[in-house]
PDB file of N, CA and C in Angstrom:
ATOM      1  N   UNK A   1       1.967  26.812  26.430  1.00  0.00           N
ATOM      2  CA  UNK A   1       1.000  26.523  25.386  1.00  0.00           C
ATOM      3  C   UNK A   1       1.677  26.438  24.020  1.00  0.00           C
ATOM      4  N   UNK A   2       2.623  27.328  23.786  1.00  0.00           N
ATOM      5  CA  UNK A   2       3.353  27.338  22.524  1.00  0.00           C
ATOM      6  C   UNK A   2       4.123  26.032  22.341  1.00  0.00           C
ATOM      7  N   UNK A   3       4.679  25.498  23.439  1.00  0.00           N
ATOM      8  CA  UNK A   3       5.389  24.220  23.406  1.00  0.00           C
ATOM      9  C   UNK A   3       4.481  23.097  22.949  1.00  0.00           C
ATOM     10  N   UNK A   4       3.248  23.079  23.449  1.00  0.00           N
ATOM     11  CA  UNK A   4       2.280  22.055  23.083  1.00  0.00           C
ATOM     12  C   UNK A   4       1.989  22.083  21.583  1.00  0.00           C
ATOM     13  N   UNK A   5       1.831  23.284  21.023  1.00  0.00           N
ATOM     14  CA  UNK A   5       1.589  23.405  19.586  1.00  0.00           C
ATOM     15  C   UNK A   5       2.790  22.903  18.784  1.00  0.00           C
ATOM     16  N   UNK A   6       3.971  23.199  19.278  1.00  0.00           N
ATOM     17  CA  UNK A   6       5.181  22.726  18.603  1.00  0.00           C
ATOM     18  C   UNK A   6       5.257  21.208  18.576  1.00  0.00           C
ATOM     19  N   UNK A   7       4.929  20.577  19.698  1.00  0.00           N
ATOM     20  CA  UNK A   7       4.941  19.114  19.772  1.00  0.00           C
ATOM     21  C   UNK A   7       3.880  18.522  18.838  1.00  0.00           C
ATOM     22  N   UNK A   8       2.699  19.127  18.821  1.00  0.00           N
ATOM     23  CA  UNK A   8       1.626  18.637  17.949  1.00  0.00           C
ATOM     24  C   UNK A   8       2.013  18.760  16.477  1.00  0.00           C
ATOM     25  N   UNK A   9       2.606  19.879  16.122  1.00  0.00           N
ATOM     26  CA  UNK A   9       3.045  20.067  14.736  1.00  0.00           C
ATOM     27  C   UNK A   9       4.121  19.053  14.383  1.00  0.00           C
ATOM     28  N   UNK A  10       5.059  18.820  15.288  1.00  0.00           N
ATOM     29  CA  UNK A  10       6.114  17.831  15.053  1.00  0.00           C
ATOM     30  C   UNK A  10       5.525  16.443  14.839  1.00  0.00           C
ATOM     31  N   UNK A  11       4.554  16.052  15.668  1.00  0.00           N
ATOM     32  CA  UNK A  11       3.909  14.736  15.511  1.00  0.00           C
ATOM     33  C   UNK A  11       3.171  14.636  14.174  1.00  0.00           C
ATOM     34  N   UNK A  12       2.531  15.698  13.755  1.00  0.00           N
ATOM     35  CA  UNK A  12       1.835  15.695  12.460  1.00  0.00           C
ATOM     36  C   UNK A  12       2.818  15.522  11.315  1.00  0.00           C
ATOM     37  N   UNK A  13       3.947  16.206  11.391  1.00  0.00           N
ATOM     38  CA  UNK A  13       4.972  16.084  10.351  1.00  0.00           C
ATOM     39  C   UNK A  13       5.520  14.659  10.308  1.00  0.00           C
ATOM     40  N   UNK A  14       5.823  14.082  11.457  1.00  0.00           N
ATOM     41  CA  UNK A  14       6.331  12.702  11.513  1.00  0.00           C
ATOM     42  C   UNK A  14       5.315  11.729  10.945  1.00  0.00           C
ATOM     43  N   UNK A  15       4.041  11.895  11.320  1.00  0.00           N
ATOM     44  CA  UNK A  15       2.986  11.008  10.805  1.00  0.00           C
ATOM     45  C   UNK A  15       2.885  11.124   9.288  1.00  0.00           C
ATOM     46  N   UNK A  16       2.971  12.335   8.768  1.00  0.00           N
ATOM     47  CA  UNK A  16       2.901  12.551   7.321  1.00  0.00           C
ATOM     48  C   UNK A  16       4.070  11.876   6.611  1.00  0.00           C
ATOM     49  N   UNK A  17       5.266  12.033   7.156  1.00  0.00           N
ATOM     50  CA  UNK A  17       6.462  11.430   6.550  1.00  0.00           C
ATOM     51  C   UNK A  17       6.352   9.912   6.554  1.00  0.00           C
ATOM     52  N   UNK A  18       5.914   9.328   7.671  1.00  0.00           N
ATOM     53  CA  UNK A  18       5.816   7.873   7.764  1.00  0.00           C
ATOM     54  C   UNK A  18       4.751   7.300   6.825  1.00  0.00           C
ATOM     55  N   UNK A  19       3.788   8.109   6.411  1.00  0.00           N
ATOM     56  CA  UNK A  19       2.743   7.660   5.483  1.00  0.00           C
ATOM     57  C   UNK A  19       3.203   7.709   4.032  1.00  0.00           C
ATOM     58  N   UNK A  20       4.294   8.406   3.740  1.00  0.00           N
ATOM     59  CA  UNK A  20       4.730   8.548   2.348  1.00  0.00           C
ATOM     60  C   UNK A  20       5.201   7.199   1.799  1.00  0.00           C
ATOM     61  N   UNK A  21       4.933   6.988   0.515  1.00  0.00           N
ATOM     62  CA  UNK A  21       5.282   5.716  -0.124  1.00  0.00           C
ATOM     63  C   UNK A  21       6.786   5.460  -0.094  1.00  0.00           C
ATOM     64  N   UNK A  22       7.577   6.489  -0.276  1.00  0.00           N
ATOM     65  CA  UNK A  22       9.035   6.323  -0.284  1.00  0.00           C
ATOM     66  C   UNK A  22       9.541   5.842   1.068  1.00  0.00           C
ATOM     67  N   UNK A  23       9.068   6.455   2.125  1.00  0.00           N
ATOM     68  CA  UNK A  23       9.507   6.072   3.471  1.00  0.00           C
ATOM     69  C   UNK A  23       8.993   4.684   3.821  1.00  0.00           C
ATOM     70  N   UNK A  24       7.727   4.400   3.488  1.00  0.00           N
ATOM     71  CA  UNK A  24       7.187   3.063   3.756  1.00  0.00           C
ATOM     72  C   UNK A  24       7.979   1.998   3.003  1.00  0.00           C
ATOM     73  N   UNK A  25       8.339   2.282   1.743  1.00  0.00           N
ATOM     74  CA  UNK A  25       9.135   1.331   0.959  1.00  0.00           C
ATOM     75  C   UNK A  25      10.501   1.102   1.572  1.00  0.00           C
ATOM     76  N   UNK A  26      11.140   2.179   2.006  1.00  0.00           N
ATOM     77  CA  UNK A  26      12.457   2.085   2.635  1.00  0.00           C
ATOM     78  C   UNK A  26      12.383   1.246   3.907  1.00  0.00           C
ATOM     79  N   UNK A  27      11.376   1.508   4.733  1.00  0.00           N
ATOM     80  CA  UNK A  27      11.215   0.755   5.982  1.00  0.00           C
ATOM     81  C   UNK A  27      10.977  -0.719   5.683  1.00  0.00           C
ATOM     82  N   UNK A  28      10.136  -1.013   4.685  1.00  0.00           N
ATOM     83  CA  UNK A  28       9.864  -2.405   4.313  1.00  0.00           C
ATOM     84  C   UNK A  28      11.111  -3.128   3.846  1.00  0.00           C
ATOM     85  N   UNK A  29      11.898  -2.485   2.984  1.00  0.00           N
ATOM     86  CA  UNK A  29      13.119  -3.112   2.471  1.00  0.00           C
ATOM     87  C   UNK A  29      14.139  -3.337   3.585  1.00  0.00           C
ATOM     88  N   UNK A  30      14.290  -2.384   4.471  1.00  0.00           N
ATOM     89  CA  UNK A  30      15.249  -2.538   5.578  1.00  0.00           C
ATOM     90  C   UNK A  30      14.805  -3.640   6.545  1.00  0.00           C
ATOM     91  N   UNK A  31      13.496  -3.761   6.754  1.00  0.00           N
ATOM     92  CA  UNK A  31      12.981  -4.820   7.630  1.00  0.00           C
ATOM     93  C   UNK A  31      13.291  -6.191   7.049  1.00  0.00           C
ATOM     94  N   UNK A  32      13.012  -6.368   5.757  1.00  0.00           N
ATOM     95  CA  UNK A  32      13.283  -7.658   5.108  1.00  0.00           C
ATOM     96  C   UNK A  32      14.784  -7.930   5.083  1.00  0.00           C
ATOM     97  N   UNK A  33      15.581  -6.921   4.798  1.00  0.00           N
ATOM     98  CA  UNK A  33      17.039  -7.083   4.784  1.00  0.00           C
ATOM     99  C   UNK A  33      17.559  -7.542   6.148  1.00  0.00           C
ATOM    100  N   UNK A  34      17.023  -6.959   7.216  1.00  0.00           N
ATOM    101  CA  UNK A  34      17.425  -7.349   8.566  1.00  0.00           C
ATOM    102  C   UNK A  34      17.051  -8.801   8.855  1.00  0.00           C
ATOM    103  N   UNK A  35      15.842  -9.185   8.473  1.00  0.00           N
ATOM    104  CA  UNK A  35      15.399 -10.566   8.696  1.00  0.00           C
ATOM    105  C   UNK A  35      16.232 -11.557   7.887  1.00  0.00           C
ATOM    106  N   UNK A  36      16.533 -11.217   6.632  1.00  0.00           N
ATOM    107  CA  UNK A  36      17.349 -12.109   5.805  1.00  0.00           C
ATOM    108  C   UNK A  36      18.783 -12.210   6.341  1.00  0.00           C
ATOM    109  N   UNK A  37      19.240 -11.172   7.005  1.00  0.00           N
ATOM    110  CA  UNK A  37      20.579 -11.184   7.599  1.00  0.00           C
ATOM    111  C   UNK A  37      20.728 -12.208   8.710  1.00  0.00           C
ATOM    112  N   UNK A  38      19.621 -12.723   9.199  1.00  0.00           N
ATOM    113  CA  UNK A  38      19.660 -13.745  10.254  1.00  0.00           C
ATOM    114  C   UNK A  38      19.856 -15.156   9.706  1.00  0.00           C
ATOM    115  N   UNK A  39      19.805 -15.303   8.375  1.00  0.00           N
ATOM    116  CA  UNK A  39      20.017 -16.637   7.785  1.00  0.00           C
ATOM    117  C   UNK A  39      21.455 -17.090   8.030  1.00  0.00           C
ATOM    118  N   UNK A  40      21.653 -18.410   8.057  1.00  0.00           N
ATOM    119  CA  UNK A  40      22.996 -18.975   8.275  1.00  0.00           C
ATOM    120  C   UNK A  40      23.943 -18.530   7.164  1.00  0.00           C
ATOM    121  N   UNK A  41      25.032 -17.884   7.543  1.00  0.00           N
ATOM    122  CA  UNK A  41      25.992 -17.351   6.571  1.00  0.00           C
ATOM    123  C   UNK A  41      26.664 -18.455   5.748  1.00  0.00           C
ATOM    124  N   UNK A  42      26.793 -19.655   6.336  1.00  0.00           N
ATOM    125  CA  UNK A  42      27.436 -20.755   5.619  1.00  0.00           C
ATOM    126  C   UNK A  42      26.526 -21.327   4.526  1.00  0.00           C
ATOM    127  N   UNK A  43      25.227 -21.194   4.669  1.00  0.00           N
ATOM    128  CA  UNK A  43      24.286 -21.789   3.721  1.00  0.00           C
ATOM    129  C   UNK A  43      23.665 -20.784   2.760  1.00  0.00           C
ATOM    130  N   UNK A  44      23.621 -19.512   3.156  1.00  0.00           N
ATOM    131  CA  UNK A  44      22.913 -18.515   2.360  1.00  0.00           C
ATOM    132  C   UNK A  44      23.779 -17.282   2.132  1.00  0.00           C
ATOM    133  N   UNK A  45      23.792 -16.818   0.904  1.00  0.00           N
ATOM    134  CA  UNK A  45      24.454 -15.554   0.559  1.00  0.00           C
ATOM    135  C   UNK A  45      23.335 -14.578   0.210  1.00  0.00           C
ATOM    136  N   UNK A  46      23.233 -13.492   0.955  1.00  0.00           N
ATOM    137  CA  UNK A  46      22.162 -12.517   0.766  1.00  0.00           C
ATOM    138  C   UNK A  46      22.745 -11.249   0.148  1.00  0.00           C
ATOM    139  N   UNK A  47      22.128 -10.813  -0.940  1.00  0.00           N
ATOM    140  CA  UNK A  47      22.516  -9.568  -1.612  1.00  0.00           C
ATOM    141  C   UNK A  47      21.308  -8.642  -1.599  1.00  0.00           C
ATOM    142  N   UNK A  48      21.500  -7.409  -1.177  1.00  0.00           N
ATOM    143  CA  UNK A  48      20.405  -6.449  -1.072  1.00  0.00           C
ATOM    144  C   UNK A  48      20.638  -5.261  -1.992  1.00  0.00           C
ATOM    145  N   UNK A  49      19.548  -4.731  -2.544  1.00  0.00           N
ATOM    146  CA  UNK A  49      19.546  -3.495  -3.317  1.00  0.00           C
ATOM    147  C   UNK A  49      20.537  -3.543  -4.476  1.00  0.00           C
ATOM    148  N   UNK A  50      20.313  -4.481  -5.393  1.00  0.00           N
ATOM    149  CA  UNK A  50      21.199  -4.643  -6.549  1.00  0.00           C
ATOM    150  C   UNK A  50      20.732  -3.785  -7.715  1.00  0.00           C
ATOM    151  N   UNK A  51      21.673  -3.185  -8.429  1.00  0.00           N
ATOM    152  CA  UNK A  51      21.382  -2.480  -9.673  1.00  0.00           C
ATOM    153  C   UNK A  51      21.975  -3.306 -10.812  1.00  0.00           C
ATOM    154  N   UNK A  52      21.104  -3.751 -11.707  1.00  0.00           N
ATOM    155  CA  UNK A  52      21.509  -4.603 -12.823  1.00  0.00           C
ATOM    156  C   UNK A  52      21.399  -3.802 -14.118  1.00  0.00           C
ATOM    157  N   UNK A  53      22.454  -3.737 -14.925  1.00  0.00           N
ATOM    158  CA  UNK A  53      22.348  -3.021 -16.202  1.00  0.00           C
ATOM    159  C   UNK A  53      21.435  -3.776 -17.177  1.00  0.00           C
ATOM    160  N   UNK A  54      20.642  -3.030 -17.933  1.00  0.00           N
ATOM    161  CA  UNK A  54      19.767  -3.639 -18.936  1.00  0.00           C
ATOM    162  C   UNK A  54      20.383  -3.483 -20.319  1.00  0.00           C
ATOM    163  N   UNK A  55      19.792  -4.155 -21.300  1.00  0.00           N
ATOM    164  CA  UNK A  55      20.293  -4.099 -22.673  1.00  0.00           C
ATOM    165  C   UNK A  55      20.156  -2.696 -23.273  1.00  0.00           C
ATOM    166  N   UNK A  56      19.224  -1.902 -22.748  1.00  0.00           N
ATOM    167  CA  UNK A  56      18.994  -0.552 -23.281  1.00  0.00           C
ATOM    168  C   UNK A  56      19.892   0.503 -22.642  1.00  0.00           C
ATOM    169  N   UNK A  57      20.765   0.087 -21.732  1.00  0.00           N
ATOM    170  CA  UNK A  57      21.666   1.026 -21.082  1.00  0.00           C
ATOM    171  C   UNK A  57      21.121   1.590 -19.781  1.00  0.00           C
ATOM    172  N   UNK A  58      19.916   1.230 -19.431  1.00  0.00           N
ATOM    173  CA  UNK A  58      19.338   1.652 -18.154  1.00  0.00           C
ATOM    174  C   UNK A  58      19.740   0.650 -17.075  1.00  0.00           C
ATOM    175  N   UNK A  59      19.177   0.789 -15.905  1.00  0.00           N
ATOM    176  CA  UNK A  59      19.395  -0.185 -14.838  1.00  0.00           C
ATOM    177  C   UNK A  59      18.054  -0.630 -14.279  1.00  0.00           C
ATOM    178  N   UNK A  60      18.060  -1.806 -13.692  1.00  0.00           N
ATOM    179  CA  UNK A  60      16.889  -2.340 -13.005  1.00  0.00           C
ATOM    180  C   UNK A  60      17.315  -2.665 -11.582  1.00  0.00           C
ATOM    181  N   UNK A  61      16.481  -2.293 -10.619  1.00  0.00           N
ATOM    182  CA  UNK A  61      16.818  -2.487  -9.214  1.00  0.00           C
ATOM    183  C   UNK A  61      16.113  -3.728  -8.683  1.00  0.00           C
ATOM    184  N   UNK A  62      16.855  -4.571  -7.965  1.00  0.00           N
ATOM    185  CA  UNK A  62      16.305  -5.768  -7.322  1.00  0.00           C
ATOM    186  C   UNK A  62      16.517  -5.609  -5.823  1.00  0.00           C
ATOM    187  N   UNK A  63      15.451  -5.804  -5.050  1.00  0.00           N
ATOM    188  CA  UNK A  63      15.529  -5.574  -3.606  1.00  0.00           C
ATOM    189  C   UNK A  63      16.431  -6.577  -2.904  1.00  0.00           C
ATOM    190  N   UNK A  64      16.196  -7.888  -3.123  1.00  0.00           N
ATOM    191  CA  UNK A  64      16.956  -8.916  -2.399  1.00  0.00           C
ATOM    192  C   UNK A  64      17.157 -10.139  -3.292  1.00  0.00           C
ATOM    193  N   UNK A  65      18.349 -10.719  -3.209  1.00  0.00           N
ATOM    194  CA  UNK A  65      18.646 -11.990  -3.872  1.00  0.00           C
ATOM    195  C   UNK A  65      19.298 -12.893  -2.835  1.00  0.00           C
ATOM    196  N   UNK A  66      18.793 -14.117  -2.731  1.00  0.00           N
ATOM    197  CA  UNK A  66      19.386 -15.106  -1.832  1.00  0.00           C
ATOM    198  C   UNK A  66      19.913 -16.244  -2.694  1.00  0.00           C
ATOM    199  N   UNK A  67      21.194 -16.561  -2.544  1.00  0.00           N
ATOM    200  CA  UNK A  67      21.811 -17.666  -3.270  1.00  0.00           C
ATOM    201  C   UNK A  67      22.126 -18.746  -2.247  1.00  0.00           C
ATOM    202  N   UNK A  68      21.651 -19.968  -2.528  1.00  0.00           N
ATOM    203  CA  UNK A  68      21.907 -21.072  -1.607  1.00  0.00           C
ATOM    204  C   UNK A  68      21.969 -22.367  -2.398  1.00  0.00           C
ATOM    205  N   UNK A  69      22.268 -23.451  -1.700  1.00  0.00           N
ATOM    206  CA  UNK A  69      22.269 -24.765  -2.345  1.00  0.00           C
ATOM    207  C   UNK A  69      20.865 -25.178  -2.770  1.00  0.00           C
ATOM    208  N   UNK A  70      19.847 -24.488  -2.260  1.00  0.00           N
ATOM    209  CA  UNK A  70      18.455 -24.813  -2.570  1.00  0.00           C
ATOM    210  C   UNK A  70      17.938 -24.048  -3.783  1.00  0.00           C
ATOM    211  N   UNK A  71      18.703 -23.085  -4.259  1.00  0.00           N
ATOM    212  CA  UNK A  71      18.303 -22.303  -5.411  1.00  0.00           C
ATOM    213  C   UNK A  71      18.645 -20.835  -5.252  1.00  0.00           C
ATOM    214  N   UNK A  72      18.208 -20.058  -6.238  1.00  0.00           N
ATOM    215  CA  UNK A  72      18.378 -18.609  -6.205  1.00  0.00           C
ATOM    216  C   UNK A  72      16.996 -18.001  -6.041  1.00  0.00           C
ATOM    217  N   UNK A  73      16.842 -17.159  -5.030  1.00  0.00           N
ATOM    218  CA  UNK A  73      15.553 -16.564  -4.716  1.00  0.00           C
ATOM    219  C   UNK A  73      15.649 -15.050  -4.898  1.00  0.00           C
ATOM    220  N   UNK A  74      14.719 -14.501  -5.651  1.00  0.00           N
ATOM    221  CA  UNK A  74      14.663 -13.061  -5.890  1.00  0.00           C
ATOM    222  C   UNK A  74      13.418 -12.531  -5.186  1.00  0.00           C
ATOM    223  N   UNK A  75      13.594 -11.515  -4.342  1.00  0.00           N
ATOM    224  CA  UNK A  75      12.479 -10.978  -3.552  1.00  0.00           C
ATOM    225  C   UNK A  75      12.293  -9.501  -3.870  1.00  0.00           C
ATOM    226  N   UNK A  76      11.087  -9.141  -4.234  1.00  0.00           N
ATOM    227  CA  UNK A  76      10.687  -7.742  -4.408  1.00  0.00           C
ATOM    228  C   UNK A  76       9.845  -7.378  -3.195  1.00  0.00           C
ATOM    229  N   UNK A  77      10.257  -6.389  -2.440  1.00  0.00           N
ATOM    230  CA  UNK A  77       9.569  -6.009  -1.208  1.00  0.00           C
ATOM    231  C   UNK A  77       8.528  -4.938  -1.491  1.00  0.00           C
ATOM    232  N   UNK A  78       7.332  -5.147  -0.970  1.00  0.00           N
ATOM    233  CA  UNK A  78       6.270  -4.144  -0.993  1.00  0.00           C
ATOM    234  C   UNK A  78       5.733  -4.016   0.414  1.00  0.00           C
ATOM    235  N   UNK A  79       5.608  -2.804   0.897  1.00  0.00           N
ATOM    236  CA  UNK A  79       5.153  -2.574   2.253  1.00  0.00           C
ATOM    237  C   UNK A  79       3.676  -2.148   2.232  1.00  0.00           C
ATOM    238  N   UNK A  80       2.820  -3.070   1.798  1.00  0.00           N
ATOM    239  CA  UNK A  80       1.388  -2.838   1.714  1.00  0.00           C
ATOM    240  C   UNK A  80       0.678  -3.826   2.611  1.00  0.00           C
ATOM    241  N   UNK A  81      -0.558  -3.504   2.965  1.00  0.00           N
ATOM    242  CA  UNK A  81      -1.407  -4.463   3.652  1.00  0.00           C
ATOM    243  C   UNK A  81      -2.357  -5.039   2.617  1.00  0.00           C
ATOM    244  N   UNK A  82      -2.471  -6.361   2.573  1.00  0.00           N
ATOM    245  CA  UNK A  82      -3.361  -6.980   1.612  1.00  0.00           C
ATOM    246  C   UNK A  82      -2.925  -8.402   1.304  1.00  0.00           C
ATOM    247  N   UNK A  83      -3.428  -8.897   0.194  1.00  0.00           N
ATOM    248  CA  UNK A  83      -3.164 -10.272  -0.217  1.00  0.00           C
ATOM    249  C   UNK A  83      -2.724 -10.303  -1.674  1.00  0.00           C
ATOM    250  N   UNK A  84      -1.913 -11.301  -2.003  1.00  0.00           N
ATOM    251  CA  UNK A  84      -1.549 -11.569  -3.389  1.00  0.00           C
ATOM    252  C   UNK A  84      -1.885 -13.029  -3.654  1.00  0.00           C
ATOM    253  N   UNK A  85      -2.680 -13.252  -4.696  1.00  0.00           N
ATOM    254  CA  UNK A  85      -3.111 -14.601  -5.045  1.00  0.00           C
ATOM    255  C   UNK A  85      -2.477 -15.020  -6.366  1.00  0.00           C
ATOM    256  N   UNK A  86      -1.962 -16.233  -6.410  1.00  0.00           N
ATOM    257  CA  UNK A  86      -1.380 -16.785  -7.630  1.00  0.00           C
ATOM    258  C   UNK A  86      -0.549 -18.005  -7.287  1.00  0.00           C
ATOM    259  N   UNK A  87      -0.126 -18.704  -8.314  1.00  0.00           N
ATOM    260  CA  UNK A  87       0.781 -19.838  -8.115  1.00  0.00           C
ATOM    261  C   UNK A  87       1.751 -19.911  -9.284  1.00  0.00           C
ATOM    262  N   UNK A  88       2.626 -20.901  -9.260  1.00  0.00           N
ATOM    263  CA  UNK A  88       3.685 -20.976 -10.272  1.00  0.00           C
ATOM    264  C   UNK A  88       3.151 -21.171 -11.687  1.00  0.00           C
ATOM    265  N   UNK A  89       1.903 -21.629 -11.844  1.00  0.00           N
ATOM    266  CA  UNK A  89       1.324 -21.836 -13.169  1.00  0.00           C
ATOM    267  C   UNK A  89       0.473 -20.661 -13.647  1.00  0.00           C
ATOM    268  N   UNK A  90       0.258 -19.677 -12.793  1.00  0.00           N
ATOM    269  CA  UNK A  90      -0.588 -18.535 -13.151  1.00  0.00           C
ATOM    270  C   UNK A  90       0.183 -17.544 -14.020  1.00  0.00           C
ATOM    271  N   UNK A  91      -0.450 -17.104 -15.114  1.00  0.00           N
ATOM    272  CA  UNK A  91       0.166 -16.076 -15.944  1.00  0.00           C
ATOM    273  C   UNK A  91       0.119 -14.732 -15.224  1.00  0.00           C
ATOM    274  N   UNK A  92      -0.981 -14.482 -14.519  1.00  0.00           N
ATOM    275  CA  UNK A  92      -1.154 -13.236 -13.773  1.00  0.00           C
ATOM    276  C   UNK A  92      -1.487 -13.545 -12.321  1.00  0.00           C
ATOM    277  N   UNK A  93      -1.023 -12.706 -11.429  1.00  0.00           N
ATOM    278  CA  UNK A  93      -1.382 -12.820 -10.020  1.00  0.00           C
ATOM    279  C   UNK A  93      -2.329 -11.671  -9.681  1.00  0.00           C
ATOM    280  N   UNK A  94      -3.149 -11.860  -8.672  1.00  0.00           N
ATOM    281  CA  UNK A  94      -4.118 -10.854  -8.259  1.00  0.00           C
ATOM    282  C   UNK A  94      -3.680 -10.231  -6.951  1.00  0.00           C
ATOM    283  N   UNK A  95      -3.719  -8.903  -6.907  1.00  0.00           N
ATOM    284  CA  UNK A  95      -3.332  -8.169  -5.710  1.00  0.00           C
ATOM    285  C   UNK A  95      -4.581  -7.469  -5.149  1.00  0.00           C
ATOM    286  N   UNK A  96      -4.812  -7.656  -3.846  1.00  0.00           N
ATOM    287  CA  UNK A  96      -5.898  -6.975  -3.163  1.00  0.00           C
ATOM    288  C   UNK A  96      -5.282  -6.151  -2.037  1.00  0.00           C
ATOM    289  N   UNK A  97      -5.357  -4.816  -2.165  1.00  0.00           N
ATOM    290  CA  UNK A  97      -4.774  -3.927  -1.167  1.00  0.00           C
ATOM    291  C   UNK A  97      -5.897  -3.336  -0.336  1.00  0.00           C
ATOM    292  N   UNK A  98      -5.754  -3.423   0.971  1.00  0.00           N
ATOM    293  CA  UNK A  98      -6.740  -2.846   1.871  1.00  0.00           C
ATOM    294  C   UNK A  98      -6.500  -1.356   2.025  1.00  0.00           C
ATOM    295  N   UNK A  99      -7.570  -0.597   2.118  1.00  0.00           N
ATOM    296  CA  UNK A  99      -7.539   0.871   2.282  1.00  0.00           C
ATOM    297  C   UNK A  99      -6.870   1.494   1.107  1.00  0.00           C
TER     298      UNK A  99
END
């Protein structure tokens, strides 16, 4: 019986950790990084988790940058469920997060 309680407590701890924003963000970034790693190496250069110095002496973090003959693409990863509405002419985009 004591073993069963230990397993239940362990599952609760794992569920709690997986729900945390930090862990969800890490999982999302690693998933996107893995998918981008499948791009053709001859055509695409993928850079992940870049720290860029700012004019104020701080740094800014960029999740993914893809450099190719088609352009430079900057990707910010968010591991949320929902929709983002906007286009290249929109000053603001709208985010709808479920739950």
